[in-house]
PDB file of N, CA and C in Angstrom:
ATOM      1  N   MET A   1     -52.802 -30.140  47.131  1.00  0.00           N
ATOM      2  CA  MET A   1     -53.631 -30.483  48.049  1.00  0.00           C
ATOM      3  C   MET A   1     -54.332 -29.384  48.576  1.00  0.00           C
ATOM      4  N   ALA A   2     -55.711 -29.717  47.953  1.00  0.00           N
ATOM      5  CA  ALA A   2     -57.205 -28.523  47.214  1.00  0.00           C
ATOM      6  C   ALA A   2     -57.869 -28.281  48.277  1.00  0.00           C
ATOM      7  N   THR A   3     -58.047 -27.291  49.140  1.00  0.00           N
ATOM      8  CA  THR A   3     -58.813 -27.590  49.919  1.00  0.00           C
ATOM      9  C   THR A   3     -60.447 -26.387  49.629  1.00  0.00           C
ATOM     10  N   ASP A   4     -61.133 -26.666  49.870  1.00  0.00           N
ATOM     11  CA  ASP A   4     -62.386 -25.750  49.261  1.00  0.00           C
ATOM     12  C   ASP A   4     -62.620 -24.893  50.547  1.00  0.00           C
ATOM     13  N   ARG A   5     -61.792 -23.519  50.993  1.00  0.00           N
ATOM     14  CA  ARG A   5     -62.136 -22.570  51.451  1.00  0.00           C
ATOM     15  C   ARG A   5     -63.299 -21.745  51.218  1.00  0.00           C
ATOM     16  N   PRO A   6     -64.265 -21.440  52.067  1.00  0.00           N
ATOM     17  CA  PRO A   6     -65.006 -20.060  51.288  1.00  0.00           C
ATOM     18  C   PRO A   6     -64.211 -18.705  50.800  1.00  0.00           C
ATOM     19  N   ASP A   7     -63.031 -18.263  51.570  1.00  0.00           N
ATOM     20  CA  ASP A   7     -62.766 -17.531  51.157  1.00  0.00           C
ATOM     21  C   ASP A   7     -61.602 -17.564  50.227  1.00  0.00           C
ATOM     22  N   ASP A   8     -61.157 -18.724  49.880  1.00  0.00           N
ATOM     23  CA  ASP A   8     -60.835 -19.315  48.131  1.00  0.00           C
ATOM     24  C   ASP A   8     -62.076 -18.467  47.106  1.00  0.00           C
ATOM     25  N   ASP A   9     -63.497 -18.454  47.361  1.00  0.00           N
ATOM     26  CA  ASP A   9     -64.423 -18.459  46.512  1.00  0.00           C
ATOM     27  C   ASP A   9     -64.956 -17.114  46.498  1.00  0.00           C
ATOM     28  N   GLU A  10     -64.711 -16.348  47.622  1.00  0.00           N
ATOM     29  CA  GLU A  10     -65.450 -14.592  46.971  1.00  0.00           C
ATOM     30  C   GLU A  10     -63.837 -14.290  46.728  1.00  0.00           C
ATOM     31  N   GLU A  11     -62.505 -14.476  47.175  1.00  0.00           N
ATOM     32  CA  GLU A  11     -61.670 -13.849  46.461  1.00  0.00           C
ATOM     33  C   GLU A  11     -61.484 -14.281  44.451  1.00  0.00           C
ATOM     34  N   GLU A  12     -62.061 -15.188  44.746  1.00  0.00           N
ATOM     35  CA  GLU A  12     -62.092 -15.424  43.064  1.00  0.00           C
ATOM     36  C   GLU A  12     -63.655 -14.957  42.431  1.00  0.00           C
ATOM     37  N   GLU A  13     -64.564 -14.474  43.387  1.00  0.00           N
ATOM     38  CA  GLU A  13     -65.527 -13.593  42.701  1.00  0.00           C
ATOM     39  C   GLU A  13     -65.007 -11.932  42.471  1.00  0.00           C
ATOM     40  N   GLU A  14     -64.093 -11.854  43.349  1.00  0.00           N
ATOM     41  CA  GLU A  14     -63.890 -10.267  43.634  1.00  0.00           C
ATOM     42  C   GLU A  14     -62.387 -10.138  42.061  1.00  0.00           C
ATOM     43  N   LYS A  15     -62.120 -10.827  41.578  1.00  0.00           N
ATOM     44  CA  LYS A  15     -61.164 -10.472  40.586  1.00  0.00           C
ATOM     45  C   LYS A  15     -62.055 -10.765  39.235  1.00  0.00           C
ATOM     46  N   VAL A  16     -63.114 -10.816  39.121  1.00  0.00           N
ATOM     47  CA  VAL A  16     -63.507 -11.133  37.961  1.00  0.00           C
ATOM     48  C   VAL A  16     -63.101  -9.435  37.284  1.00  0.00           C
ATOM     49  N   VAL A  17     -62.917 -10.287  35.837  1.00  0.00           N
ATOM     50  CA  VAL A  17     -62.646  -8.620  34.778  1.00  0.00           C
ATOM     51  C   VAL A  17     -63.979  -8.741  34.186  1.00  0.00           C
ATOM     52  N   ARG A  18     -64.446  -7.099  34.424  1.00  0.00           N
ATOM     53  CA  ARG A  18     -65.698  -6.876  33.486  1.00  0.00           C
ATOM     54  C   ARG A  18     -65.406  -5.864  32.307  1.00  0.00           C
ATOM     55  N   LYS A  19     -66.287  -6.671  31.427  1.00  0.00           N
ATOM     56  CA  LYS A  19     -65.518  -5.266  30.478  1.00  0.00           C
ATOM     57  C   LYS A  19     -66.954  -5.018  29.630  1.00  0.00           C
ATOM     58  N   GLY A  20     -66.752  -4.068  28.336  1.00  0.00           N
ATOM     59  CA  GLY A  20     -68.296  -3.599  28.010  1.00  0.00           C
ATOM     60  C   GLY A  20     -69.261  -3.004  28.684  1.00  0.00           C
ATOM     61  N   GLU A  21     -70.446  -3.270  28.429  1.00  0.00           N
ATOM     62  CA  GLU A  21     -71.746  -2.925  29.069  1.00  0.00           C
ATOM     63  C   GLU A  21     -71.577  -3.524  30.873  1.00  0.00           C
ATOM     64  N   ASP A  22     -71.193  -4.624  30.479  1.00  0.00           N
ATOM     65  CA  ASP A  22     -71.322  -5.409  31.959  1.00  0.00           C
ATOM     66  C   ASP A  22     -70.380  -4.365  33.050  1.00  0.00           C
ATOM     67  N   ALA A  23     -69.328  -3.765  32.543  1.00  0.00           N
ATOM     68  CA  ALA A  23     -68.288  -2.858  33.428  1.00  0.00           C
ATOM     69  C   ALA A  23     -69.093  -1.270  34.154  1.00  0.00           C
ATOM     70  N   LYS A  24     -69.640  -1.251  33.301  1.00  0.00           N
ATOM     71  CA  LYS A  24     -70.635  -0.075  32.892  1.00  0.00           C
ATOM     72  C   LYS A  24     -71.780  -0.194  33.715  1.00  0.00           C
ATOM     73  N   ALA A  25     -72.382  -1.491  33.267  1.00  0.00           N
ATOM     74  CA  ALA A  25     -73.470  -1.704  34.731  1.00  0.00           C
ATOM     75  C   ALA A  25     -73.032  -2.043  36.397  1.00  0.00           C
ATOM     76  N   HIS A  26     -71.967  -2.280  36.137  1.00  0.00           N
ATOM     77  CA  HIS A  26     -71.074  -2.464  37.409  1.00  0.00           C
ATOM     78  C   HIS A  26     -71.051  -1.239  37.902  1.00  0.00           C
ATOM     79  N   LYS A  27     -70.338  -0.619  37.298  1.00  0.00           N
ATOM     80  CA  LYS A  27     -69.975   1.100  37.794  1.00  0.00           C
ATOM     81  C   LYS A  27     -70.725   1.571  38.441  1.00  0.00           C
ATOM     82  N   GLU A  28     -72.173   1.367  37.881  1.00  0.00           N
ATOM     83  CA  GLU A  28     -73.364   2.675  37.863  1.00  0.00           C
ATOM     84  C   GLU A  28     -74.118   1.743  39.116  1.00  0.00           C
ATOM     85  N   LEU A  29     -73.656   0.555  39.184  1.00  0.00           N
ATOM     86  CA  LEU A  29     -74.452  -0.195  40.483  1.00  0.00           C
ATOM     87  C   LEU A  29     -73.693  -0.046  41.677  1.00  0.00           C
ATOM     88  N   ASN A  30     -72.163   0.690  41.214  1.00  0.00           N
ATOM     89  CA  ASN A  30     -71.386   1.023  42.476  1.00  0.00           C
ATOM     90  C   ASN A  30     -71.574   2.160  42.916  1.00  0.00           C
ATOM     91  N   LYS A  31     -72.271   3.182  42.012  1.00  0.00           N
ATOM     92  CA  LYS A  31     -72.371   4.522  42.345  1.00  0.00           C
ATOM     93  C   LYS A  31     -73.584   4.174  42.807  1.00  0.00           C
ATOM     94  N   LEU A  32     -74.851   3.559  42.834  1.00  0.00           N
ATOM     95  CA  LEU A  32     -75.770   3.918  43.354  1.00  0.00           C
ATOM     96  C   LEU A  32     -76.051   3.051  44.946  1.00  0.00           C
ATOM     97  N   SER A  33     -74.943   2.393  45.175  1.00  0.00           N
ATOM     98  CA  SER A  33     -75.046   1.400  46.527  1.00  0.00           C
ATOM     99  C   SER A  33     -73.923   2.546  47.471  1.00  0.00           C
ATOM    100  N   GLY A  34     -73.167   3.200  46.899  1.00  0.00           N
ATOM    101  CA  GLY A  34     -72.381   3.984  47.944  1.00  0.00           C
ATOM    102  C   GLY A  34     -70.958   3.524  48.247  1.00  0.00           C
ATOM    103  N   ASP A  35     -70.616   2.206  47.281  1.00  0.00           N
ATOM    104  CA  ASP A  35     -69.468   1.444  46.827  1.00  0.00           C
ATOM    105  C   ASP A  35     -68.290   2.619  47.066  1.00  0.00           C
ATOM    106  N   ASN A  36     -68.295   3.576  45.811  1.00  0.00           N
ATOM    107  CA  ASN A  36     -67.210   4.401  45.728  1.00  0.00           C
ATOM    108  C   ASN A  36     -66.150   4.987  46.779  1.00  0.00           C
ATOM    109  N   GLU A  37     -67.036   4.986  47.913  1.00  0.00           N
ATOM    110  CA  GLU A  37     -66.548   5.497  49.012  1.00  0.00           C
ATOM    111  C   GLU A  37     -65.970   4.244  49.996  1.00  0.00           C
ATOM    112  N   GLY A  38     -66.031   3.119  50.036  1.00  0.00           N
ATOM    113  CA  GLY A  38     -65.976   2.087  51.060  1.00  0.00           C
ATOM    114  C   GLY A  38     -66.856   1.669  51.619  1.00  0.00           C
ATOM    115  N   GLU A  39     -68.223   2.222  51.251  1.00  0.00           N
ATOM    116  CA  GLU A  39     -69.518   1.626  52.067  1.00  0.00           C
ATOM    117  C   GLU A  39     -69.955   0.456  51.114  1.00  0.00           C
ATOM    118  N   LYS A  40     -70.284  -0.183  52.003  1.00  0.00           N
ATOM    119  CA  LYS A  40     -70.756  -1.817  51.292  1.00  0.00           C
ATOM    120  C   LYS A  40     -71.654  -2.045  51.606  1.00  0.00           C
ATOM    121  N   GLU A  41     -72.542  -1.224  52.226  1.00  0.00           N
ATOM    122  CA  GLU A  41     -73.932  -1.733  52.327  1.00  0.00           C
ATOM    123  C   GLU A  41     -74.812  -0.400  51.512  1.00  0.00           C
ATOM    124  N   VAL A  42     -76.823  -0.698  51.073  1.00  0.00           N
ATOM    125  CA  VAL A  42     -76.920  -0.247  50.532  1.00  0.00           C
ATOM    126  C   VAL A  42     -77.938   0.638  51.317  1.00  0.00           C
ATOM    127  N   ASP A  43     -78.729   1.899  51.772  1.00  0.00           N
ATOM    128  CA  ASP A  43     -79.158   2.500  51.870  1.00  0.00           C
ATOM    129  C   ASP A  43     -80.491   2.394  51.834  1.00  0.00           C
ATOM    130  N   THR A  44     -81.064   1.335  52.148  1.00  0.00           N
ATOM    131  CA  THR A  44     -82.756   0.371  52.000  1.00  0.00           C
ATOM    132  C   THR A  44     -83.443   1.437  51.996  1.00  0.00           C
ATOM    133  N   GLY A  45     -83.598   2.495  53.133  1.00  0.00           N
ATOM    134  CA  GLY A  45     -84.669   3.531  53.150  1.00  0.00           C
ATOM    135  C   GLY A  45     -84.251   4.303  51.808  1.00  0.00           C
ATOM    136  N   LYS A  46     -83.641   4.647  51.385  1.00  0.00           N
ATOM    137  CA  LYS A  46     -83.606   5.636  50.303  1.00  0.00           C
ATOM    138  C   LYS A  46     -83.898   5.112  48.934  1.00  0.00           C
ATOM    139  N   ALA A  47     -83.740   3.808  49.225  1.00  0.00           N
ATOM    140  CA  ALA A  47     -83.573   2.743  47.837  1.00  0.00           C
ATOM    141  C   ALA A  47     -85.248   1.997  47.556  1.00  0.00           C
ATOM    142  N   GLN A  48     -85.639   2.214  49.071  1.00  0.00           N
ATOM    143  CA  GLN A  48     -87.489   1.803  48.989  1.00  0.00           C
ATOM    144  C   GLN A  48     -88.173   3.535  48.846  1.00  0.00           C
ATOM    145  N   ASN A  49     -87.961   4.252  49.610  1.00  0.00           N
ATOM    146  CA  ASN A  49     -88.022   5.995  49.349  1.00  0.00           C
ATOM    147  C   ASN A  49     -88.020   5.999  47.147  1.00  0.00           C
ATOM    148  N   ALA A  50     -87.014   5.948  47.018  1.00  0.00           N
ATOM    149  CA  ALA A  50     -86.769   6.044  45.552  1.00  0.00           C
ATOM    150  C   ALA A  50     -87.785   4.785  44.604  1.00  0.00           C
ATOM    151  N   LEU A  51     -87.833   3.827  45.121  1.00  0.00           N
ATOM    152  CA  LEU A  51     -88.863   2.981  44.104  1.00  0.00           C
ATOM    153  C   LEU A  51     -90.498   3.152  44.976  1.00  0.00           C
ATOM    154  N   SER A  52     -90.763   3.386  46.165  1.00  0.00           N
ATOM    155  CA  SER A  52     -92.138   4.381  46.132  1.00  0.00           C
ATOM    156  C   SER A  52     -92.091   5.381  45.280  1.00  0.00           C
ATOM    157  N   GLN A  53     -91.320   6.351  44.969  1.00  0.00           N
ATOM    158  CA  GLN A  53     -91.825   7.434  44.279  1.00  0.00           C
ATOM    159  C   GLN A  53     -92.077   7.098  42.687  1.00  0.00           C
ATOM    160  N   LEU A  54     -90.688   6.153  42.548  1.00  0.00           N
ATOM    161  CA  LEU A  54     -91.501   5.830  41.023  1.00  0.00           C
ATOM    162  C   LEU A  54     -92.667   4.807  40.557  1.00  0.00           C
ATOM    163  N   SER A  55     -92.928   4.042  42.111  1.00  0.00           N
ATOM    164  CA  SER A  55     -94.169   3.849  41.919  1.00  0.00           C
ATOM    165  C   SER A  55     -95.494   4.414  41.465  1.00  0.00           C
ATOM    166  N   ASN A  56     -95.634   5.480  42.476  1.00  0.00           N
ATOM    167  CA  ASN A  56     -96.542   6.487  42.746  1.00  0.00           C
ATOM    168  C   ASN A  56     -96.619   7.236  40.996  1.00  0.00           C
ATOM    169  N   ALA A  57     -95.372   7.504  40.921  1.00  0.00           N
ATOM    170  CA  ALA A  57     -95.568   8.205  39.247  1.00  0.00           C
ATOM    171  C   ALA A  57     -95.749   7.851  38.339  1.00  0.00           C
ATOM    172  N   ALA A  58     -96.126   6.283  38.354  1.00  0.00           N
ATOM    173  CA  ALA A  58     -96.295   5.470  36.945  1.00  0.00           C
ATOM    174  C   ALA A  58     -97.692   4.969  37.349  1.00  0.00           C
ATOM    175  N   GLU A  59     -98.414   5.231  38.365  1.00  0.00           N
ATOM    176  CA  GLU A  59     -99.531   5.050  38.933  1.00  0.00           C
ATOM    177  C   GLU A  59    -100.147   6.186  38.945  1.00  0.00           C
ATOM    178  N   ALA A  60     -99.595   7.053  38.735  1.00  0.00           N
ATOM    179  CA  ALA A  60    -100.220   8.577  38.438  1.00  0.00           C
ATOM    180  C   ALA A  60    -100.742   8.815  37.002  1.00  0.00           C
ATOM    181  N   GLU A  61     -99.086   8.471  36.186  1.00  0.00           N
ATOM    182  CA  GLU A  61     -99.411   8.594  35.053  1.00  0.00           C
ATOM    183  C   GLU A  61    -100.471   7.824  34.187  1.00  0.00           C
ATOM    184  N   LYS A  62    -100.341   6.492  34.743  1.00  0.00           N
ATOM    185  CA  LYS A  62    -101.801   5.339  34.248  1.00  0.00           C
ATOM    186  C   LYS A  62    -103.041   6.545  34.416  1.00  0.00           C
ATOM    187  N   LEU A  63    -103.116   7.035  35.485  1.00  0.00           N
ATOM    188  CA  LEU A  63    -104.177   7.354  35.967  1.00  0.00           C
ATOM    189  C   LEU A  63    -104.887   8.358  35.041  1.00  0.00           C
ATOM    190  N   ALA A  64    -103.869   9.333  34.888  1.00  0.00           N
ATOM    191  CA  ALA A  64    -103.899  10.728  33.991  1.00  0.00           C
ATOM    192  C   ALA A  64    -103.978   9.927  32.633  1.00  0.00           C
ATOM    193  N   LYS A  65    -103.376   9.009  31.980  1.00  0.00           N
ATOM    194  CA  LYS A  65    -104.085   8.587  30.626  1.00  0.00           C
ATOM    195  C   LYS A  65    -105.032   7.812  30.389  1.00  0.00           C
ATOM    196  N   LEU A  66    -105.941   7.241  31.631  1.00  0.00           N
ATOM    197  CA  LEU A  66    -106.960   6.771  31.888  1.00  0.00           C
ATOM    198  C   LEU A  66    -108.061   7.437  31.646  1.00  0.00           C
ATOM    199  N   GLU A  67    -107.838   8.748  32.684  1.00  0.00           N
ATOM    200  CA  GLU A  67    -108.741   9.903  32.553  1.00  0.00           C
ATOM    201  C   GLU A  67    -108.875  10.736  30.886  1.00  0.00           C
ATOM    202  N   ARG A  68    -107.573  10.589  29.991  1.00  0.00           N
ATOM    203  CA  ARG A  68    -108.007  11.468  28.635  1.00  0.00           C
ATOM    204  C   ARG A  68    -108.771  10.537  27.859  1.00  0.00           C
ATOM    205  N   GLU A  69    -108.334   9.303  28.361  1.00  0.00           N
ATOM    206  CA  GLU A  69    -109.174   8.186  27.394  1.00  0.00           C
ATOM    207  C   GLU A  69    -110.637   8.646  27.458  1.00  0.00           C
ATOM    208  N   LYS A  70    -110.922   8.504  28.730  1.00  0.00           N
ATOM    209  CA  LYS A  70    -112.373   8.732  28.835  1.00  0.00           C
ATOM    210  C   LYS A  70    -113.167  10.245  28.465  1.00  0.00           C
ATOM    211  N   GLU A  71    -112.013  11.187  28.491  1.00  0.00           N
ATOM    212  CA  GLU A  71    -112.912  12.368  28.306  1.00  0.00           C
ATOM    213  C   GLU A  71    -112.746  12.173  26.527  1.00  0.00           C
ATOM    214  N   LEU A  72    -111.772  11.703  25.728  1.00  0.00           N
ATOM    215  CA  LEU A  72    -112.003  11.881  24.662  1.00  0.00           C
ATOM    216  C   LEU A  72    -113.032  10.730  23.949  1.00  0.00           C
ATOM    217  N   ALA A  73    -113.549  10.184  24.720  1.00  0.00           N
ATOM    218  CA  ALA A  73    -114.499   8.792  24.460  1.00  0.00           C
ATOM    219  C   ALA A  73    -115.830   9.495  24.333  1.00  0.00           C
ATOM    220  N   LYS A  74    -116.383  10.793  25.350  1.00  0.00           N
ATOM    221  CA  LYS A  74    -116.647  11.607  25.742  1.00  0.00           C
ATOM    222  C   LYS A  74    -116.961  12.354  24.156  1.00  0.00           C
ATOM    223  N   VAL A  75    -116.269  12.595  23.345  1.00  0.00           N
ATOM    224  CA  VAL A  75    -116.059  13.336  22.399  1.00  0.00           C
ATOM    225  C   VAL A  75    -117.260  12.907  21.193  1.00  0.00           C
ATOM    226  N   LYS A  76    -117.852  13.546  21.018  1.00  0.00           N
ATOM    227  CA  LYS A  76    -118.831  13.295  19.583  1.00  0.00           C
ATOM    228  C   LYS A  76    -118.625  13.765  19.176  1.00  0.00           C
ATOM    229  N   ILE A  77    -118.409  12.610  17.521  1.00  0.00           N
ATOM    230  CA  ILE A  77    -117.536  12.761  16.395  1.00  0.00           C
ATOM    231  C   ILE A  77    -118.937  12.167  15.313  1.00  0.00           C
ATOM    232  N   ASP A  78    -118.629  12.724  13.690  1.00  0.00           N
ATOM    233  CA  ASP A  78    -120.029  12.441  12.679  1.00  0.00           C
ATOM    234  C   ASP A  78    -118.701  11.864  11.670  1.00  0.00           C
ATOM    235  N   LYS A  79    -119.351  10.537  11.642  1.00  0.00           N
ATOM    236  CA  LYS A  79    -118.455   9.102  10.732  1.00  0.00           C
ATOM    237  C   LYS A  79    -118.694   9.758   9.569  1.00  0.00           C
ATOM    238  N   LYS A  80    -119.245  10.755   8.596  1.00  0.00           N
ATOM    239  CA  LYS A  80    -119.149  11.477   7.489  1.00  0.00           C
ATOM    240  C   LYS A  80    -117.111  11.981   7.499  1.00  0.00           C
ATOM    241  N   ASP A  81    -117.245  12.605   8.841  1.00  0.00           N
ATOM    242  CA  ASP A  81    -115.824  13.503   9.283  1.00  0.00           C
ATOM    243  C   ASP A  81    -114.509  12.502   9.260  1.00  0.00           C
ATOM    244  N   VAL A  82    -115.159  11.133  10.027  1.00  0.00           N
ATOM    245  CA  VAL A  82    -113.781  10.634  10.169  1.00  0.00           C
ATOM    246  C   VAL A  82    -113.164   9.937   8.490  1.00  0.00           C
ATOM    247  N   GLU A  83    -114.494   9.472   7.901  1.00  0.00           N
ATOM    248  CA  GLU A  83    -114.437   9.191   6.545  1.00  0.00           C
ATOM    249  C   GLU A  83    -113.304  10.558   5.792  1.00  0.00           C
ATOM    250  N   LEU A  84    -114.546  11.397   5.710  1.00  0.00           N
ATOM    251  CA  LEU A  84    -113.200  12.728   5.129  1.00  0.00           C
ATOM    252  C   LEU A  84    -111.795  12.680   5.588  1.00  0.00           C
ATOM    253  N   ILE A  85    -111.505  12.480   6.451  1.00  0.00           N
ATOM    254  CA  ILE A  85    -110.411  12.423   7.389  1.00  0.00           C
ATOM    255  C   ILE A  85    -109.147  11.372   6.612  1.00  0.00           C
ATOM    256  N   MET A  86    -109.949  10.071   7.112  1.00  0.00           N
ATOM    257  CA  MET A  86    -109.362   8.983   6.156  1.00  0.00           C
ATOM    258  C   MET A  86    -109.115   8.834   4.614  1.00  0.00           C
ATOM    259  N   SER A  87    -110.475   9.259   3.610  1.00  0.00           N
ATOM    260  CA  SER A  87    -109.604   9.646   2.408  1.00  0.00           C
ATOM    261  C   SER A  87    -108.482  10.576   2.223  1.00  0.00           C
ATOM    262  N   GLU A  88    -108.991  11.917   2.646  1.00  0.00           N
ATOM    263  CA  GLU A  88    -107.695  12.908   2.310  1.00  0.00           C
ATOM    264  C   GLU A  88    -106.440  12.648   2.917  1.00  0.00           C
ATOM    265  N   MET A  89    -106.309  12.109   4.255  1.00  0.00           N
ATOM    266  CA  MET A  89    -104.982  12.169   4.754  1.00  0.00           C
ATOM    267  C   MET A  89    -104.095  10.974   4.677  1.00  0.00           C
ATOM    268  N   GLU A  90    -105.364   9.632   3.588  1.00  0.00           N
ATOM    269  CA  GLU A  90    -104.699   8.338   3.505  1.00  0.00           C
ATOM    270  C   GLU A  90    -104.429   7.502   4.991  1.00  0.00           C
ATOM    271  N   ILE A  91    -105.216   7.567   6.234  1.00  0.00           N
ATOM    272  CA  ILE A  91    -104.667   7.156   7.447  1.00  0.00           C
ATOM    273  C   ILE A  91    -105.670   6.191   7.978  1.00  0.00           C
ATOM    274  N   ASP A  92    -105.699   5.059   8.795  1.00  0.00           N
ATOM    275  CA  ASP A  92    -106.470   4.372   8.907  1.00  0.00           C
ATOM    276  C   ASP A  92    -107.565   5.020  10.050  1.00  0.00           C
ATOM    277  N   GLU A  93    -108.720   4.234  10.288  1.00  0.00           N
ATOM    278  CA  GLU A  93    -110.114   4.337  10.742  1.00  0.00           C
ATOM    279  C   GLU A  93    -109.560   5.463  12.315  1.00  0.00           C
ATOM    280  N   SER A  94    -109.094   4.375  12.894  1.00  0.00           N
ATOM    281  CA  SER A  94    -108.445   4.622  14.646  1.00  0.00           C
ATOM    282  C   SER A  94    -107.932   5.725  14.858  1.00  0.00           C
ATOM    283  N   ARG A  95    -106.409   6.020  13.994  1.00  0.00           N
ATOM    284  CA  ARG A  95    -106.085   7.389  13.406  1.00  0.00           C
ATOM    285  C   ARG A  95    -106.892   8.457  13.575  1.00  0.00           C
ATOM    286  N   ALA A  96    -108.018   8.232  12.330  1.00  0.00           N
ATOM    287  CA  ALA A  96    -108.640   8.925  11.913  1.00  0.00           C
ATOM    288  C   ALA A  96    -109.339   9.944  12.982  1.00  0.00           C
ATOM    289  N   GLU A  97    -110.134   8.951  13.562  1.00  0.00           N
ATOM    290  CA  GLU A  97    -111.074   9.307  14.847  1.00  0.00           C
ATOM    291  C   GLU A  97    -110.145   9.609  16.337  1.00  0.00           C
ATOM    292  N   ARG A  98    -109.167   9.084  16.564  1.00  0.00           N
ATOM    293  CA  ARG A  98    -108.185   9.601  17.477  1.00  0.00           C
ATOM    294  C   ARG A  98    -108.108  11.615  17.441  1.00  0.00           C
ATOM    295  N   VAL A  99    -107.326  11.669  15.935  1.00  0.00           N
ATOM    296  CA  VAL A  99    -107.027  12.958  15.919  1.00  0.00           C
ATOM    297  C   VAL A  99    -108.628  13.765  15.549  1.00  0.00           C
ATOM    298  N   LEU A 100    -109.812  13.339  15.334  1.00  0.00           N
ATOM    299  CA  LEU A 100    -110.815  14.069  15.227  1.00  0.00           C
ATOM    300  C   LEU A 100    -111.507  14.348  16.812  1.00  0.00           C
ATOM    301  N   ARG A 101    -111.183  13.181  17.810  1.00  0.00           N
ATOM    302  CA  ARG A 101    -111.743  13.358  19.279  1.00  0.00           C
ATOM    303  C   ARG A 101    -110.878  14.225  19.914  1.00  0.00           C
ATOM    304  N   GLU A 102    -109.484  14.380  19.923  1.00  0.00           N
ATOM    305  CA  GLU A 102    -108.551  15.226  19.803  1.00  0.00           C
ATOM    306  C   GLU A 102    -108.661  16.245  20.302  1.00  0.00           C
ATOM    307  N   HIS A 103    -109.509  16.929  18.849  1.00  0.00           N
ATOM    308  CA  HIS A 103    -109.615  18.226  18.197  1.00  0.00           C
ATOM    309  C   HIS A 103    -111.218  18.827  18.114  1.00  0.00           C
ATOM    310  N   ASN A 104    -112.066  17.999  19.276  1.00  0.00           N
ATOM    311  CA  ASN A 104    -113.259  18.306  19.891  1.00  0.00           C
ATOM    312  C   ASN A 104    -114.099  17.868  18.643  1.00  0.00           C
ATOM    313  N   GLY A 105    -114.222  16.787  17.642  1.00  0.00           N
ATOM    314  CA  GLY A 105    -115.038  16.589  16.731  1.00  0.00           C
ATOM    315  C   GLY A 105    -114.935  17.917  15.463  1.00  0.00           C
ATOM    316  N   GLU A 106    -113.980  18.389  15.616  1.00  0.00           N
ATOM    317  CA  GLU A 106    -113.933  19.270  14.150  1.00  0.00           C
ATOM    318  C   GLU A 106    -112.865  19.238  13.679  1.00  0.00           C
ATOM    319  N   PRO A 107    -113.858  19.040  12.411  1.00  0.00           N
ATOM    320  CA  PRO A 107    -112.796  17.952  11.021  1.00  0.00           C
ATOM    321  C   PRO A 107    -111.480  19.342  10.316  1.00  0.00           C
ATOM    322  N   VAL A 108    -111.940  20.286  10.496  1.00  0.00           N
ATOM    323  CA  VAL A 108    -111.341  21.300   9.869  1.00  0.00           C
ATOM    324  C   VAL A 108    -109.720  21.821  11.042  1.00  0.00           C
ATOM    325  N   LYS A 109    -109.912  21.290  12.274  1.00  0.00           N
ATOM    326  CA  LYS A 109    -108.971  21.861  12.961  1.00  0.00           C
ATOM    327  C   LYS A 109    -107.938  20.530  12.988  1.00  0.00           C
ATOM    328  N   ALA A 110    -108.667  19.121  12.953  1.00  0.00           N
ATOM    329  CA  ALA A 110    -107.961  17.847  12.860  1.00  0.00           C
ATOM    330  C   ALA A 110    -107.183  17.683  11.330  1.00  0.00           C
ATOM    331  N   LEU A 111    -107.265  18.221  10.801  1.00  0.00           N
ATOM    332  CA  LEU A 111    -106.829  18.485   9.472  1.00  0.00           C
ATOM    333  C   LEU A 111    -105.990  18.798   9.093  1.00  0.00           C
ATOM    334  N   GLN A 112    -106.231  20.452   9.484  1.00  0.00           N
ATOM    335  CA  GLN A 112    -105.014  21.394  10.086  1.00  0.00           C
ATOM    336  C   GLN A 112    -103.769  20.607  10.641  1.00  0.00           C
ATOM    337  N   TYR A 113    -104.309  20.209  11.361  1.00  0.00           N
ATOM    338  CA  TYR A 113    -103.252  19.159  12.576  1.00  0.00           C
ATOM    339  C   TYR A 113    -102.419  18.565  11.788  1.00  0.00           C
ATOM    340  N   LEU A 114    -102.998  17.484  10.930  1.00  0.00           N
ATOM    341  CA  LEU A 114    -102.570  16.653  10.621  1.00  0.00           C
ATOM    342  C   LEU A 114    -101.442  17.045   9.142  1.00  0.00           C
ATOM    343  N   ILE A 115    -102.157  17.940   8.528  1.00  0.00           N
ATOM    344  CA  ILE A 115    -101.173  18.382   7.749  1.00  0.00           C
ATOM    345  C   ILE A 115    -100.038  19.081   8.212  1.00  0.00           C
ATOM    346  N   ASP A 116     -99.980  19.640   9.116  1.00  0.00           N
ATOM    347  CA  ASP A 116     -98.950  20.320  10.204  1.00  0.00           C
ATOM    348  C   ASP A 116     -97.811  19.227  10.652  1.00  0.00           C
ATOM    349  N   SER A 117     -98.724  18.148  10.919  1.00  0.00           N
ATOM    350  CA  SER A 117     -97.620  17.588  11.591  1.00  0.00           C
ATOM    351  C   SER A 117     -96.615  16.245  10.450  1.00  0.00           C
ATOM    352  N   LYS A 118     -96.881  16.220   9.553  1.00  0.00           N
ATOM    353  CA  LYS A 118     -96.453  15.510   8.229  1.00  0.00           C
ATOM    354  C   LYS A 118     -94.912  16.452   7.881  1.00  0.00           C
TER     355      LYS A 118
END
């Protein structure tokens, strides 16, 4: 005589054996939710605050990168300097332009950087 009671399903879910990465992930989630001290509820305020901080940090980083790209785009570079760096260092044009812009259009400094970074 089989009866389907909701309690039976819940008991089966609690008895699931976790192995490997699944066990690690489950353990980490329990730590985050405070389940290690018998608590069953997640502090939603703390979780929302943490997510908000992550979102703000990601947005700030994105804006900083965009600002940096705008600054680099303003740097004047000579096409001959790009060709020189490309031929001497055997790198593609976009990399040569980027390094040259990062060093204010000064080919000597750009070449020194490339030599030191290899």
